[in-house]
Amino acid sequence: MNKPLARIGQRFTAQFVDGLAAIGCGVISYFIAHAIGLADGWIFLGWVVYILLCDGLPGGQSLGKRFTHTSVVQAKSELPCTYWQSCVRNITMVLGVLLMLPLSLASRGVAWAIFWLVPKLFNCRDREYV
């Protein structure tokens, strides 16, 4: 490991900026969906696509990670995250928002276990990007 891990403040800021970018993609998809006459359910398409693919952007850097000078790399090789790895890494966030959020407080333990487990299985981690 040549570069240090990203600090918690960097991670939070990157996630916040990515959330804003995802909302922006959702707004754009909303206007496109309404312009071509699609149902309201399509408004989540832009948000979902951005969240799933953001860490696979060049260098393993989403917009938020570019802002905080961090990136997502494979744990052993330190190669940037691929689009497939980004989808696997972020699917729990999409599922959490779309499926688990309405569940009762009792389900939070299950949701937290999934958020923790999936990235560990695929050996992805954040690191500083210089």
C-alpha atoms as a PDB file:
ATOM      1  CA  MET A   1       0.000   0.000   0.000  1.00  0.00           C
ATOM      2  CA  ASN A   2       1.844   3.078  -1.260  1.00  0.00           C
ATOM      3  CA  LYS A   3      -0.715   5.770  -0.488  1.00  0.00           C
ATOM      4  CA  PRO A   4      -2.576   6.353   2.782  1.00  0.00           C
ATOM      5  CA  LEU A   5      -6.239   5.519   3.204  1.00  0.00           C
ATOM      6  CA  ALA A   6      -8.720   8.356   2.783  1.00  0.00           C
ATOM      7  CA  ARG A   7      -9.681  10.102   6.022  1.00  0.00           C
ATOM      8  CA  ILE A   8     -13.258   9.998   7.292  1.00  0.00           C
ATOM      9  CA  GLY A   9     -13.792  13.673   6.433  1.00  0.00           C
ATOM     10  CA  GLN A  10     -12.699  13.057   2.851  1.00  0.00           C
ATOM     11  CA  ARG A  11     -15.011  10.060   2.588  1.00  0.00           C
ATOM     12  CA  PHE A  12     -17.983  11.970   3.976  1.00  0.00           C
ATOM     13  CA  THR A  13     -17.385  14.959   1.700  1.00  0.00           C
ATOM     14  CA  ALA A  14     -16.960  12.745  -1.364  1.00  0.00           C
ATOM     15  CA  GLN A  15     -20.175  10.890  -0.549  1.00  0.00           C
ATOM     16  CA  PHE A  16     -22.022  14.186  -0.023  1.00  0.00           C
ATOM     17  CA  VAL A  17     -20.817  15.605  -3.366  1.00  0.00           C
ATOM     18  CA  ASP A  18     -21.698  12.328  -5.089  1.00  0.00           C
ATOM     19  CA  GLY A  19     -25.163  12.506  -3.543  1.00  0.00           C
ATOM     20  CA  LEU A  20     -25.627  15.982  -5.014  1.00  0.00           C
ATOM     21  CA  ALA A  21     -24.365  14.781  -8.391  1.00  0.00           C
ATOM     22  CA  ALA A  22     -26.726  11.800  -8.278  1.00  0.00           C
ATOM     23  CA  ILE A  23     -29.651  14.076  -7.460  1.00  0.00           C
ATOM     24  CA  GLY A  24     -28.619  16.261 -10.402  1.00  0.00           C
ATOM     25  CA  CYS A  25     -28.632  13.198 -12.670  1.00  0.00           C
ATOM     26  CA  GLY A  26     -32.055  12.308 -11.283  1.00  0.00           C
ATOM     27  CA  VAL A  27     -33.391  15.784 -12.059  1.00  0.00           C
ATOM     28  CA  ILE A  28     -32.048  15.565 -15.604  1.00  0.00           C
ATOM     29  CA  SER A  29     -33.625  12.135 -16.095  1.00  0.00           C
ATOM     30  CA  TYR A  30     -36.901  13.511 -14.684  1.00  0.00           C
ATOM     31  CA  PHE A  31     -37.046  16.253 -17.312  1.00  0.00           C
ATOM     32  CA  ILE A  32     -36.037  13.864 -20.092  1.00  0.00           C
ATOM     33  CA  ALA A  33     -38.661  11.324 -18.976  1.00  0.00           C
ATOM     34  CA  HIS A  34     -41.380  13.972 -18.912  1.00  0.00           C
ATOM     35  CA  ALA A  35     -40.287  15.406 -22.258  1.00  0.00           C
ATOM     36  CA  ILE A  36     -40.686  12.045 -23.982  1.00  0.00           C
ATOM     37  CA  GLY A  37     -43.785  11.058 -22.015  1.00  0.00           C
ATOM     38  CA  LEU A  38     -42.443   8.328 -19.730  1.00  0.00           C
ATOM     39  CA  ALA A  39     -43.983   7.461 -16.369  1.00  0.00           C
ATOM     40  CA  ASP A  40     -42.783   9.077 -13.143  1.00  0.00           C
ATOM     41  CA  GLY A  41     -40.939   5.893 -12.143  1.00  0.00           C
ATOM     42  CA  TRP A  42     -38.191   6.746 -14.610  1.00  0.00           C
ATOM     43  CA  ILE A  43     -37.040   9.721 -12.531  1.00  0.00           C
ATOM     44  CA  PHE A  44     -34.819   7.410 -10.474  1.00  0.00           C
ATOM     45  CA  LEU A  45     -32.937   6.175 -13.529  1.00  0.00           C
ATOM     46  CA  GLY A  46     -30.331   8.956 -13.556  1.00  0.00           C
ATOM     47  CA  TRP A  47     -29.765   8.640  -9.817  1.00  0.00           C
ATOM     48  CA  VAL A  48     -29.390   4.860  -9.960  1.00  0.00           C
ATOM     49  CA  VAL A  49     -27.048   4.912 -12.964  1.00  0.00           C
ATOM     50  CA  TYR A  50     -24.775   7.542 -11.395  1.00  0.00           C
ATOM     51  CA  ILE A  51     -24.618   5.791  -8.013  1.00  0.00           C
ATOM     52  CA  LEU A  52     -23.884   2.406  -9.567  1.00  0.00           C
ATOM     53  CA  LEU A  53     -21.176   3.573 -11.976  1.00  0.00           C
ATOM     54  CA  CYS A  54     -19.595   6.590 -10.253  1.00  0.00           C
ATOM     55  CA  ASP A  55     -16.615   4.787  -8.681  1.00  0.00           C
ATOM     56  CA  GLY A  56     -15.740   3.193 -12.030  1.00  0.00           C
ATOM     57  CA  LEU A  57     -15.105   6.531 -13.695  1.00  0.00           C
ATOM     58  CA  PRO A  58     -11.509   7.044 -14.899  1.00  0.00           C
ATOM     59  CA  GLY A  59      -8.971   6.633 -12.139  1.00  0.00           C
ATOM     60  CA  GLY A  60     -11.586   5.161  -9.781  1.00  0.00           C
ATOM     61  CA  GLN A  61     -12.766   8.698  -9.084  1.00  0.00           C
ATOM     62  CA  SER A  62     -16.363   9.841  -8.936  1.00  0.00           C
ATOM     63  CA  LEU A  63     -17.043  13.579  -8.966  1.00  0.00           C
ATOM     64  CA  GLY A  64     -16.930  13.609  -5.174  1.00  0.00           C
ATOM     65  CA  LYS A  65     -13.696  11.658  -5.073  1.00  0.00           C
ATOM     66  CA  ARG A  66     -12.116  14.039  -7.585  1.00  0.00           C
ATOM     67  CA  PHE A  67     -13.183  16.909  -5.326  1.00  0.00           C
ATOM     68  CA  THR A  68     -11.554  15.312  -2.275  1.00  0.00           C
ATOM     69  CA  HIS A  69      -8.521  13.905  -4.138  1.00  0.00           C
ATOM     70  CA  THR A  70      -9.383  10.299  -3.274  1.00  0.00           C
ATOM     71  CA  SER A  71     -10.085   7.243  -5.400  1.00  0.00           C
ATOM     72  CA  VAL A  72     -11.360   3.684  -5.158  1.00  0.00           C
ATOM     73  CA  VAL A  73      -8.749   1.028  -5.819  1.00  0.00           C
ATOM     74  CA  GLN A  74      -8.524  -2.737  -5.607  1.00  0.00           C
ATOM     75  CA  ALA A  75      -7.070  -3.734  -2.248  1.00  0.00           C
ATOM     76  CA  LYS A  76      -4.174  -5.857  -3.476  1.00  0.00           C
ATOM     77  CA  SER A  77      -3.216  -4.441  -6.867  1.00  0.00           C
ATOM     78  CA  GLU A  78      -4.223  -0.803  -6.222  1.00  0.00           C
ATOM     79  CA  LEU A  79      -5.647  -0.654  -9.750  1.00  0.00           C
ATOM     80  CA  PRO A  80      -8.600   1.735 -10.138  1.00  0.00           C
ATOM     81  CA  CYS A  81     -12.086   0.367  -9.565  1.00  0.00           C
ATOM     82  CA  THR A  82     -13.794  -0.941 -12.722  1.00  0.00           C
ATOM     83  CA  TYR A  83     -17.410  -0.260 -13.681  1.00  0.00           C
ATOM     84  CA  TRP A  84     -18.362  -3.789 -12.642  1.00  0.00           C
ATOM     85  CA  GLN A  85     -16.671  -3.404  -9.242  1.00  0.00           C
ATOM     86  CA  SER A  86     -18.368  -0.034  -8.854  1.00  0.00           C
ATOM     87  CA  CYS A  87     -21.769  -1.638  -9.463  1.00  0.00           C
ATOM     88  CA  VAL A  88     -21.072  -4.381  -6.934  1.00  0.00           C
ATOM     89  CA  ARG A  89     -19.696  -1.883  -4.415  1.00  0.00           C
ATOM     90  CA  ASN A  90     -22.636   0.503  -4.704  1.00  0.00           C
ATOM     91  CA  ILE A  91     -25.588  -1.836  -5.239  1.00  0.00           C
ATOM     92  CA  THR A  92     -26.154  -1.956  -1.491  1.00  0.00           C
ATOM     93  CA  MET A  93     -26.614   1.816  -1.423  1.00  0.00           C
ATOM     94  CA  VAL A  94     -29.191   1.658  -4.199  1.00  0.00           C
ATOM     95  CA  LEU A  95     -30.983  -1.242  -2.531  1.00  0.00           C
ATOM     96  CA  GLY A  96     -30.807   0.522   0.802  1.00  0.00           C
ATOM     97  CA  VAL A  97     -32.513   3.600  -0.529  1.00  0.00           C
ATOM     98  CA  LEU A  98     -35.034   1.907  -2.795  1.00  0.00           C
ATOM     99  CA  LEU A  99     -35.902  -1.160  -0.698  1.00  0.00           C
ATOM    100  CA  MET A 100     -34.657  -0.999   2.867  1.00  0.00           C
ATOM    101  CA  LEU A 101     -35.380   2.589   3.829  1.00  0.00           C
ATOM    102  CA  PRO A 102     -39.106   2.020   4.392  1.00  0.00           C
ATOM    103  CA  LEU A 103     -38.469  -0.961   6.652  1.00  0.00           C
ATOM    104  CA  SER A 104     -38.703  -0.661  10.416  1.00  0.00           C
ATOM    105  CA  LEU A 105     -35.813   0.171  12.714  1.00  0.00           C
ATOM    106  CA  ALA A 106     -35.340  -3.547  13.372  1.00  0.00           C
ATOM    107  CA  SER A 107     -34.008  -4.018   9.844  1.00  0.00           C
ATOM    108  CA  ARG A 108     -31.141  -1.570  10.337  1.00  0.00           C
ATOM    109  CA  GLY A 109     -28.872  -4.318  11.615  1.00  0.00           C
ATOM    110  CA  VAL A 110     -29.378  -6.322   8.417  1.00  0.00           C
ATOM    111  CA  ALA A 111     -28.854  -3.253   6.238  1.00  0.00           C
ATOM    112  CA  TRP A 112     -25.651  -2.337   8.085  1.00  0.00           C
ATOM    113  CA  ALA A 113     -24.308  -5.875   7.711  1.00  0.00           C
ATOM    114  CA  ILE A 114     -24.898  -5.750   3.950  1.00  0.00           C
ATOM    115  CA  PHE A 115     -23.273  -2.309   3.609  1.00  0.00           C
ATOM    116  CA  TRP A 116     -20.234  -3.592   5.493  1.00  0.00           C
ATOM    117  CA  LEU A 117     -19.988  -7.057   3.928  1.00  0.00           C
ATOM    118  CA  VAL A 118     -20.228  -6.481   0.162  1.00  0.00           C
ATOM    119  CA  PRO A 119     -17.232  -4.099  -0.168  1.00  0.00           C
ATOM    120  CA  LYS A 120     -15.176  -6.485   2.001  1.00  0.00           C
ATOM    121  CA  LEU A 121     -15.994  -9.401  -0.294  1.00  0.00           C
ATOM    122  CA  PHE A 122     -14.700  -7.589  -3.363  1.00  0.00           C
ATOM    123  CA  ASN A 123     -11.580  -6.107  -1.725  1.00  0.00           C
ATOM    124  CA  CYS A 124     -12.191  -2.479  -2.683  1.00  0.00           C
ATOM    125  CA  ARG A 125     -11.069   0.385  -0.489  1.00  0.00           C
ATOM    126  CA  ASP A 126     -10.666   4.152  -0.716  1.00  0.00           C
ATOM    127  CA  ARG A 127      -7.225   5.734  -0.821  1.00  0.00           C
ATOM    128  CA  GLU A 128      -5.829   9.211  -1.335  1.00  0.00           C
ATOM    129  CA  TYR A 129      -5.270  10.162  -4.962  1.00  0.00           C
ATOM    130  CA  VAL A 130      -2.309  12.421  -5.613  1.00  0.00           C
END
